[in-house]
């Protein structure tokens, strides 16, 4: 099973999603993360994401940002987007219904339906905003992992 987590720049939310999901899934699962823009390509996650993950026993410091490609839509089984604009960007890349079915909002995949289905971008915030995002992703990742493993 191959899972892709997507946010805008692949330096805040999706690296956390990748690290947290990896920590909750068996080793035969592949988890990766990407962004819809290439602005941070090759860069490490935001230092605040690295710090928050480290505070929770997860090392994401070796991850590197990369933009999503059309091949990703072929190669991954599930593609989880952090917010609606990211979701719309990824959906627009899908070439068929099979690919569209793979794509969902991260929080909706965890069972959150309704108004609270986006993970906010903490980039312009402070460490408390990153901690809040970590908690959201951690809770959702537990639910996603449970669904995928069972």
N, C-alpha and C. Protein backbone atom coordinates (compact mmCIF):
# COMPACT_ATOMS: atom_id res chain seq x y z
N UNK A 1 0.85 -1.18 0.00
CA UNK A 1 0.00 0.00 0.00
C UNK A 1 0.89 1.24 0.00
N UNK A 2 0.61 2.14 -0.93
CA UNK A 2 1.39 3.37 -1.06
C UNK A 2 0.49 4.57 -0.81
N UNK A 3 0.92 5.43 0.11
CA UNK A 3 0.13 6.59 0.54
C UNK A 3 0.94 7.86 0.30
N UNK A 4 0.26 8.88 -0.25
CA UNK A 4 0.89 10.16 -0.50
C UNK A 4 0.12 11.24 0.25
N UNK A 5 0.86 12.10 0.96
CA UNK A 5 0.26 13.20 1.71
C UNK A 5 0.68 14.50 1.02
N UNK A 6 -0.30 15.38 0.79
CA UNK A 6 -0.04 16.57 -0.03
C UNK A 6 -0.45 17.84 0.70
N UNK A 7 0.44 18.84 0.67
CA UNK A 7 0.07 20.19 1.11
C UNK A 7 0.62 21.16 0.07
N UNK A 8 0.70 22.42 0.38
CA UNK A 8 1.10 23.42 -0.60
C UNK A 8 2.59 23.32 -0.94
N UNK A 9 3.46 23.54 0.06
CA UNK A 9 4.89 23.60 -0.20
C UNK A 9 5.69 22.39 0.22
N UNK A 10 5.02 21.43 0.88
CA UNK A 10 5.68 20.21 1.36
C UNK A 10 6.79 20.52 2.37
N UNK A 11 6.53 21.50 3.25
CA UNK A 11 7.50 21.78 4.31
C UNK A 11 6.87 21.84 5.71
N UNK A 12 5.55 21.92 5.81
CA UNK A 12 4.90 22.02 7.12
C UNK A 12 3.99 20.83 7.41
N UNK A 13 2.83 20.82 6.76
CA UNK A 13 1.80 19.82 7.07
C UNK A 13 2.08 18.44 6.51
N UNK A 14 2.39 18.36 5.22
CA UNK A 14 2.57 17.02 4.64
C UNK A 14 3.79 16.28 5.18
N UNK A 15 4.91 16.96 5.51
CA UNK A 15 5.99 16.22 6.16
C UNK A 15 5.55 15.64 7.52
N UNK A 16 4.74 16.41 8.26
CA UNK A 16 4.21 15.88 9.52
C UNK A 16 3.30 14.69 9.24
N UNK A 17 2.44 14.83 8.23
CA UNK A 17 1.55 13.73 7.88
C UNK A 17 2.33 12.48 7.49
N UNK A 18 3.38 12.66 6.70
CA UNK A 18 4.21 11.52 6.31
C UNK A 18 4.83 10.86 7.54
N UNK A 19 5.45 11.66 8.38
CA UNK A 19 6.14 11.11 9.56
C UNK A 19 5.19 10.43 10.53
N UNK A 20 4.05 11.07 10.79
CA UNK A 20 3.09 10.51 11.75
C UNK A 20 2.46 9.24 11.19
N UNK A 21 2.03 9.26 9.93
CA UNK A 21 1.43 8.06 9.34
C UNK A 21 2.43 6.90 9.33
N UNK A 22 3.68 7.17 8.96
CA UNK A 22 4.71 6.11 8.96
C UNK A 22 4.83 5.47 10.34
N UNK A 23 4.71 6.30 11.37
CA UNK A 23 4.88 5.79 12.74
C UNK A 23 3.71 4.91 13.17
N UNK A 24 2.59 5.00 12.47
CA UNK A 24 1.39 4.27 12.88
C UNK A 24 1.06 3.08 11.97
N UNK A 25 1.78 2.95 10.87
CA UNK A 25 1.49 1.89 9.91
C UNK A 25 2.60 0.84 9.90
N UNK A 26 2.26 -0.39 9.49
CA UNK A 26 3.29 -1.42 9.37
C UNK A 26 4.35 -1.03 8.34
N UNK A 27 5.52 -1.64 8.44
CA UNK A 27 6.64 -1.27 7.58
C UNK A 27 6.41 -1.57 6.10
N UNK A 28 5.46 -2.45 5.77
CA UNK A 28 5.22 -2.75 4.36
C UNK A 28 4.41 -1.64 3.66
N UNK A 29 3.96 -0.64 4.41
CA UNK A 29 3.30 0.52 3.83
C UNK A 29 4.35 1.54 3.43
N UNK A 30 4.17 2.16 2.28
CA UNK A 30 5.04 3.23 1.82
C UNK A 30 4.28 4.54 2.00
N UNK A 31 4.91 5.49 2.69
CA UNK A 31 4.29 6.81 2.89
C UNK A 31 5.28 7.87 2.40
N UNK A 32 4.78 8.78 1.59
CA UNK A 32 5.60 9.86 1.05
C UNK A 32 4.79 11.15 1.14
N UNK A 33 5.44 12.27 0.91
CA UNK A 33 4.73 13.54 0.91
C UNK A 33 5.25 14.44 -0.20
N UNK A 34 4.37 15.32 -0.66
CA UNK A 34 4.69 16.25 -1.75
C UNK A 34 3.95 17.57 -1.54
N UNK A 35 4.29 18.53 -2.38
CA UNK A 35 3.58 19.80 -2.39
C UNK A 35 3.01 20.07 -3.77
N UNK A 36 2.08 20.99 -3.84
CA UNK A 36 1.51 21.34 -5.15
C UNK A 36 2.35 22.43 -5.83
N UNK A 37 3.29 23.03 -5.10
CA UNK A 37 4.21 24.01 -5.69
C UNK A 37 5.64 23.50 -5.52
N UNK A 38 6.54 23.99 -6.34
CA UNK A 38 7.93 23.53 -6.30
C UNK A 38 8.87 24.52 -5.61
N UNK A 39 8.30 25.54 -4.97
CA UNK A 39 9.09 26.63 -4.39
C UNK A 39 10.15 26.15 -3.39
N UNK A 40 9.85 25.07 -2.66
CA UNK A 40 10.78 24.61 -1.63
C UNK A 40 11.48 23.31 -2.02
N UNK A 41 11.44 22.96 -3.30
CA UNK A 41 11.98 21.69 -3.77
C UNK A 41 13.41 21.46 -3.27
N UNK A 42 13.62 20.27 -2.69
CA UNK A 42 14.94 19.88 -2.19
C UNK A 42 15.23 20.34 -0.77
N UNK A 43 14.35 21.17 -0.21
CA UNK A 43 14.59 21.69 1.14
C UNK A 43 14.01 20.78 2.21
N UNK A 44 14.61 20.87 3.41
CA UNK A 44 14.09 20.15 4.57
C UNK A 44 12.75 20.73 4.99
N UNK A 45 12.00 19.98 5.79
CA UNK A 45 10.77 20.56 6.36
C UNK A 45 11.10 21.81 7.19
N UNK A 46 10.09 22.65 7.38
CA UNK A 46 10.20 23.83 8.23
C UNK A 46 10.75 23.41 9.60
N UNK A 47 11.66 24.20 10.13
CA UNK A 47 12.28 23.87 11.43
C UNK A 47 11.24 23.65 12.53
N UNK A 48 10.14 24.39 12.46
CA UNK A 48 9.09 24.23 13.48
C UNK A 48 8.40 22.87 13.35
N UNK A 49 8.20 22.39 12.14
CA UNK A 49 7.63 21.05 11.95
C UNK A 49 8.61 19.99 12.48
N UNK A 50 9.89 20.18 12.16
CA UNK A 50 10.91 19.24 12.65
C UNK A 50 10.91 19.21 14.17
N UNK A 51 10.86 20.40 14.79
CA UNK A 51 10.89 20.49 16.25
C UNK A 51 9.66 19.84 16.90
N UNK A 52 8.49 20.14 16.38
CA UNK A 52 7.25 19.57 16.94
C UNK A 52 7.25 18.06 16.79
N UNK A 53 7.63 17.56 15.62
CA UNK A 53 7.69 16.10 15.41
C UNK A 53 8.68 15.47 16.39
N UNK A 54 9.84 16.10 16.54
CA UNK A 54 10.87 15.57 17.44
C UNK A 54 10.35 15.53 18.88
N UNK A 55 9.59 16.55 19.27
CA UNK A 55 9.01 16.58 20.62
C UNK A 55 8.09 15.39 20.87
N UNK A 56 7.57 14.81 19.77
CA UNK A 56 6.67 13.65 19.88
C UNK A 56 7.35 12.35 19.46
N UNK A 57 8.68 12.38 19.36
CA UNK A 57 9.45 11.17 19.07
C UNK A 57 9.49 10.77 17.61
N UNK A 58 9.24 11.70 16.69
CA UNK A 58 9.25 11.40 15.27
C UNK A 58 10.29 12.27 14.58
N UNK A 59 11.17 11.64 13.80
CA UNK A 59 12.23 12.38 13.10
C UNK A 59 11.84 12.57 11.63
N UNK A 60 11.58 13.81 11.24
CA UNK A 60 11.26 14.11 9.85
C UNK A 60 12.37 14.93 9.19
N UNK A 61 13.51 15.05 9.87
CA UNK A 61 14.57 15.95 9.40
C UNK A 61 15.25 15.50 8.11
N UNK A 62 15.10 14.23 7.73
CA UNK A 62 15.73 13.75 6.50
C UNK A 62 14.82 13.85 5.28
N UNK A 63 13.58 14.26 5.49
CA UNK A 63 12.67 14.44 4.35
C UNK A 63 13.12 15.63 3.52
N UNK A 64 12.78 15.59 2.23
CA UNK A 64 13.07 16.71 1.33
C UNK A 64 11.82 17.02 0.52
N UNK A 65 11.53 18.30 0.36
CA UNK A 65 10.36 18.74 -0.38
C UNK A 65 10.48 18.38 -1.85
N UNK A 66 9.35 17.97 -2.41
CA UNK A 66 9.27 17.77 -3.86
C UNK A 66 7.86 18.07 -4.31
N UNK A 67 7.71 18.51 -5.56
CA UNK A 67 6.37 18.77 -6.08
C UNK A 67 5.70 17.47 -6.55
N UNK A 68 4.39 17.46 -6.53
CA UNK A 68 3.63 16.31 -7.02
C UNK A 68 3.81 16.19 -8.53
N UNK A 69 3.78 14.96 -9.02
CA UNK A 69 3.90 14.70 -10.46
C UNK A 69 2.70 13.87 -10.93
N UNK A 70 2.50 13.84 -12.23
CA UNK A 70 1.43 13.00 -12.78
C UNK A 70 1.69 11.52 -12.46
N UNK A 71 2.95 11.14 -12.39
CA UNK A 71 3.29 9.75 -12.05
C UNK A 71 2.81 9.39 -10.64
N UNK A 72 2.80 10.36 -9.74
CA UNK A 72 2.33 10.09 -8.37
C UNK A 72 0.87 9.62 -8.39
N UNK A 73 0.07 10.20 -9.26
CA UNK A 73 -1.33 9.81 -9.34
C UNK A 73 -1.49 8.38 -9.85
N UNK A 74 -0.52 7.92 -10.62
CA UNK A 74 -0.51 6.52 -11.08
C UNK A 74 -0.01 5.59 -9.98
N UNK A 75 1.04 6.00 -9.27
CA UNK A 75 1.79 5.10 -8.39
C UNK A 75 1.26 4.95 -6.98
N UNK A 76 0.46 5.88 -6.49
CA UNK A 76 -0.01 5.81 -5.11
C UNK A 76 -1.45 5.30 -5.04
N UNK A 77 -1.75 4.56 -3.97
CA UNK A 77 -3.08 3.99 -3.77
C UNK A 77 -4.04 4.99 -3.14
N UNK A 78 -3.51 5.83 -2.23
CA UNK A 78 -4.31 6.85 -1.55
C UNK A 78 -3.52 8.15 -1.56
N UNK A 79 -4.20 9.24 -1.90
CA UNK A 79 -3.57 10.56 -1.92
C UNK A 79 -4.41 11.47 -1.03
N UNK A 80 -3.82 11.88 0.09
CA UNK A 80 -4.52 12.66 1.10
C UNK A 80 -4.06 14.12 1.06
N UNK A 81 -4.99 15.03 0.84
CA UNK A 81 -4.71 16.46 0.71
C UNK A 81 -5.08 17.18 2.00
N UNK A 82 -4.25 18.15 2.38
CA UNK A 82 -4.45 18.83 3.66
C UNK A 82 -5.55 19.89 3.65
N UNK A 83 -5.83 20.49 2.50
CA UNK A 83 -6.91 21.48 2.46
C UNK A 83 -7.58 21.46 1.10
N UNK A 84 -8.65 22.20 0.98
CA UNK A 84 -9.48 22.18 -0.22
C UNK A 84 -8.75 22.69 -1.46
N UNK A 85 -7.96 23.75 -1.33
CA UNK A 85 -7.27 24.27 -2.52
C UNK A 85 -6.23 23.27 -3.02
N UNK A 86 -5.55 22.58 -2.11
CA UNK A 86 -4.61 21.54 -2.50
C UNK A 86 -5.36 20.39 -3.17
N UNK A 87 -6.49 20.00 -2.58
CA UNK A 87 -7.33 18.95 -3.15
C UNK A 87 -7.74 19.30 -4.58
N UNK A 88 -8.19 20.52 -4.79
CA UNK A 88 -8.63 20.94 -6.12
C UNK A 88 -7.48 20.92 -7.12
N UNK A 89 -6.28 21.33 -6.67
CA UNK A 89 -5.10 21.28 -7.55
C UNK A 89 -4.77 19.84 -7.95
N UNK A 90 -4.84 18.92 -6.99
CA UNK A 90 -4.50 17.53 -7.27
C UNK A 90 -5.57 16.88 -8.15
N UNK A 91 -6.83 17.13 -7.83
CA UNK A 91 -7.93 16.58 -8.64
C UNK A 91 -7.80 17.04 -10.10
N UNK A 92 -7.37 18.27 -10.30
CA UNK A 92 -7.24 18.80 -11.67
C UNK A 92 -6.16 18.07 -12.46
N UNK A 93 -5.26 17.40 -11.78
CA UNK A 93 -4.19 16.64 -12.44
C UNK A 93 -4.65 15.23 -12.84
N UNK A 94 -5.72 14.75 -12.23
CA UNK A 94 -6.17 13.38 -12.48
C UNK A 94 -6.64 13.23 -13.91
N UNK A 95 -6.23 12.13 -14.54
CA UNK A 95 -6.59 11.93 -15.94
C UNK A 95 -7.82 11.05 -16.12
N UNK A 96 -8.28 10.41 -15.02
CA UNK A 96 -9.44 9.54 -15.13
C UNK A 96 -10.11 9.35 -13.76
N UNK A 97 -11.24 8.68 -13.77
CA UNK A 97 -12.01 8.47 -12.54
C UNK A 97 -11.24 7.61 -11.54
N UNK A 98 -10.48 6.65 -12.03
CA UNK A 98 -9.69 5.79 -11.14
C UNK A 98 -8.73 6.63 -10.30
N UNK A 99 -8.07 7.59 -10.92
CA UNK A 99 -7.16 8.47 -10.18
C UNK A 99 -7.93 9.39 -9.24
N UNK A 100 -9.06 9.92 -9.69
CA UNK A 100 -9.85 10.82 -8.84
C UNK A 100 -10.31 10.12 -7.57
N UNK A 101 -10.63 8.84 -7.66
CA UNK A 101 -11.10 8.08 -6.50
C UNK A 101 -10.03 7.90 -5.43
N UNK A 102 -8.77 8.02 -5.81
CA UNK A 102 -7.66 7.88 -4.87
C UNK A 102 -7.48 9.13 -4.00
N UNK A 103 -8.02 10.26 -4.45
CA UNK A 103 -7.73 11.57 -3.86
C UNK A 103 -8.83 11.96 -2.88
N UNK A 104 -8.43 12.35 -1.69
CA UNK A 104 -9.40 12.84 -0.69
C UNK A 104 -8.73 13.84 0.24
N UNK A 105 -9.55 14.54 0.99
CA UNK A 105 -9.02 15.41 2.04
C UNK A 105 -8.54 14.52 3.18
N UNK A 106 -7.42 14.88 3.77
CA UNK A 106 -6.81 14.10 4.85
C UNK A 106 -7.80 13.85 5.99
N UNK A 107 -8.47 14.92 6.44
CA UNK A 107 -9.39 14.77 7.57
C UNK A 107 -10.65 14.01 7.19
N UNK A 108 -11.10 14.12 5.95
CA UNK A 108 -12.25 13.34 5.52
C UNK A 108 -11.90 11.86 5.47
N UNK A 109 -10.68 11.53 5.05
CA UNK A 109 -10.24 10.13 5.04
C UNK A 109 -10.25 9.54 6.44
N UNK A 110 -10.10 10.42 7.43
CA UNK A 110 -10.13 9.99 8.83
C UNK A 110 -11.54 9.92 9.39
N UNK A 111 -12.52 10.32 8.58
CA UNK A 111 -13.91 10.26 9.02
C UNK A 111 -14.51 11.60 9.42
N UNK A 112 -13.74 12.68 9.34
CA UNK A 112 -14.27 14.01 9.64
C UNK A 112 -15.03 14.51 8.43
N UNK A 113 -16.32 14.62 8.54
CA UNK A 113 -17.12 15.17 7.46
C UNK A 113 -17.80 16.43 7.95
N UNK A 114 -17.95 17.38 7.09
CA UNK A 114 -18.60 18.62 7.49
C UNK A 114 -17.68 19.80 7.37
N UNK A 115 -17.86 20.75 8.28
CA UNK A 115 -17.14 22.02 8.18
C UNK A 115 -15.68 21.93 8.57
N UNK A 116 -15.32 21.02 9.45
CA UNK A 116 -13.95 20.95 9.97
C UNK A 116 -13.14 19.89 9.22
N UNK A 117 -12.97 20.06 7.90
CA UNK A 117 -12.27 19.02 7.16
C UNK A 117 -10.97 19.49 6.52
N UNK A 118 -10.44 20.62 6.96
CA UNK A 118 -9.17 21.12 6.44
C UNK A 118 -8.16 21.28 7.57
N UNK A 119 -6.92 20.90 7.29
CA UNK A 119 -5.83 21.14 8.23
C UNK A 119 -5.26 22.51 7.88
N UNK A 120 -5.31 23.46 8.82
CA UNK A 120 -4.83 24.81 8.52
C UNK A 120 -3.31 24.85 8.31
N UNK A 121 -2.88 25.73 7.44
CA UNK A 121 -1.45 25.89 7.18
C UNK A 121 -0.84 26.72 8.31
N UNK A 122 0.10 26.14 9.07
CA UNK A 122 0.69 26.87 10.20
C UNK A 122 1.86 27.78 9.82
N UNK A 123 2.23 27.81 8.54
CA UNK A 123 3.45 28.48 8.10
C UNK A 123 3.61 29.89 8.66
N UNK A 124 2.55 30.67 8.64
CA UNK A 124 2.65 32.06 9.11
C UNK A 124 2.38 32.19 10.60
N UNK A 125 2.20 31.06 11.29
CA UNK A 125 1.89 31.08 12.71
C UNK A 125 3.11 30.86 13.59
N UNK A 126 2.82 30.47 14.83
CA UNK A 126 3.89 30.24 15.80
C UNK A 126 3.95 28.75 16.15
N UNK A 127 4.80 28.41 17.12
CA UNK A 127 4.99 27.02 17.50
C UNK A 127 3.70 26.38 18.00
N UNK A 128 2.85 27.16 18.66
CA UNK A 128 1.57 26.64 19.14
C UNK A 128 0.68 26.23 17.96
N UNK A 129 0.74 26.98 16.85
CA UNK A 129 -0.02 26.61 15.66
C UNK A 129 0.49 25.29 15.08
N UNK A 130 1.79 25.11 15.09
CA UNK A 130 2.37 23.85 14.61
C UNK A 130 1.97 22.69 15.51
N UNK A 131 1.94 22.92 16.81
CA UNK A 131 1.51 21.87 17.75
C UNK A 131 0.04 21.51 17.51
N UNK A 132 -0.78 22.51 17.28
CA UNK A 132 -2.20 22.27 16.99
C UNK A 132 -2.36 21.42 15.73
N UNK A 133 -1.61 21.76 14.69
CA UNK A 133 -1.65 21.00 13.44
C UNK A 133 -1.14 19.57 13.68
N UNK A 134 -0.08 19.44 14.47
CA UNK A 134 0.42 18.10 14.80
C UNK A 134 -0.68 17.26 15.43
N UNK A 135 -1.38 17.83 16.40
CA UNK A 135 -2.43 17.09 17.10
C UNK A 135 -3.55 16.67 16.15
N UNK A 136 -3.94 17.58 15.24
CA UNK A 136 -4.98 17.26 14.26
C UNK A 136 -4.54 16.09 13.37
N UNK A 137 -3.31 16.19 12.86
CA UNK A 137 -2.79 15.16 11.96
C UNK A 137 -2.60 13.84 12.70
N UNK A 138 -2.14 13.92 13.95
CA UNK A 138 -1.92 12.71 14.73
C UNK A 138 -3.24 11.96 14.96
N UNK A 139 -4.26 12.68 15.36
CA UNK A 139 -5.56 12.05 15.61
C UNK A 139 -6.12 11.45 14.32
N UNK A 140 -6.04 12.21 13.23
CA UNK A 140 -6.53 11.71 11.95
C UNK A 140 -5.72 10.52 11.46
N UNK A 141 -4.41 10.56 11.67
CA UNK A 141 -3.54 9.46 11.24
C UNK A 141 -3.87 8.16 11.96
N UNK A 142 -4.22 8.25 13.23
CA UNK A 142 -4.62 7.05 13.98
C UNK A 142 -5.85 6.41 13.34
N UNK A 143 -6.81 7.24 12.95
CA UNK A 143 -8.04 6.74 12.33
C UNK A 143 -7.76 6.18 10.93
N UNK A 144 -6.95 6.88 10.17
CA UNK A 144 -6.61 6.41 8.83
C UNK A 144 -5.86 5.09 8.91
N UNK A 145 -4.88 5.00 9.81
CA UNK A 145 -4.11 3.77 9.95
C UNK A 145 -5.00 2.60 10.33
N UNK A 146 -5.92 2.85 11.23
CA UNK A 146 -6.85 1.79 11.66
C UNK A 146 -7.67 1.30 10.47
N UNK A 147 -8.18 2.22 9.64
CA UNK A 147 -8.96 1.84 8.46
C UNK A 147 -8.12 1.06 7.46
N UNK A 148 -6.89 1.49 7.24
CA UNK A 148 -6.04 0.86 6.23
C UNK A 148 -5.53 -0.51 6.64
N UNK A 149 -5.30 -0.70 7.91
CA UNK A 149 -4.74 -1.97 8.39
C UNK A 149 -5.82 -3.02 8.58
N UNK A 150 -7.03 -2.59 8.93
CA UNK A 150 -8.11 -3.56 9.19
C UNK A 150 -8.91 -3.92 7.96
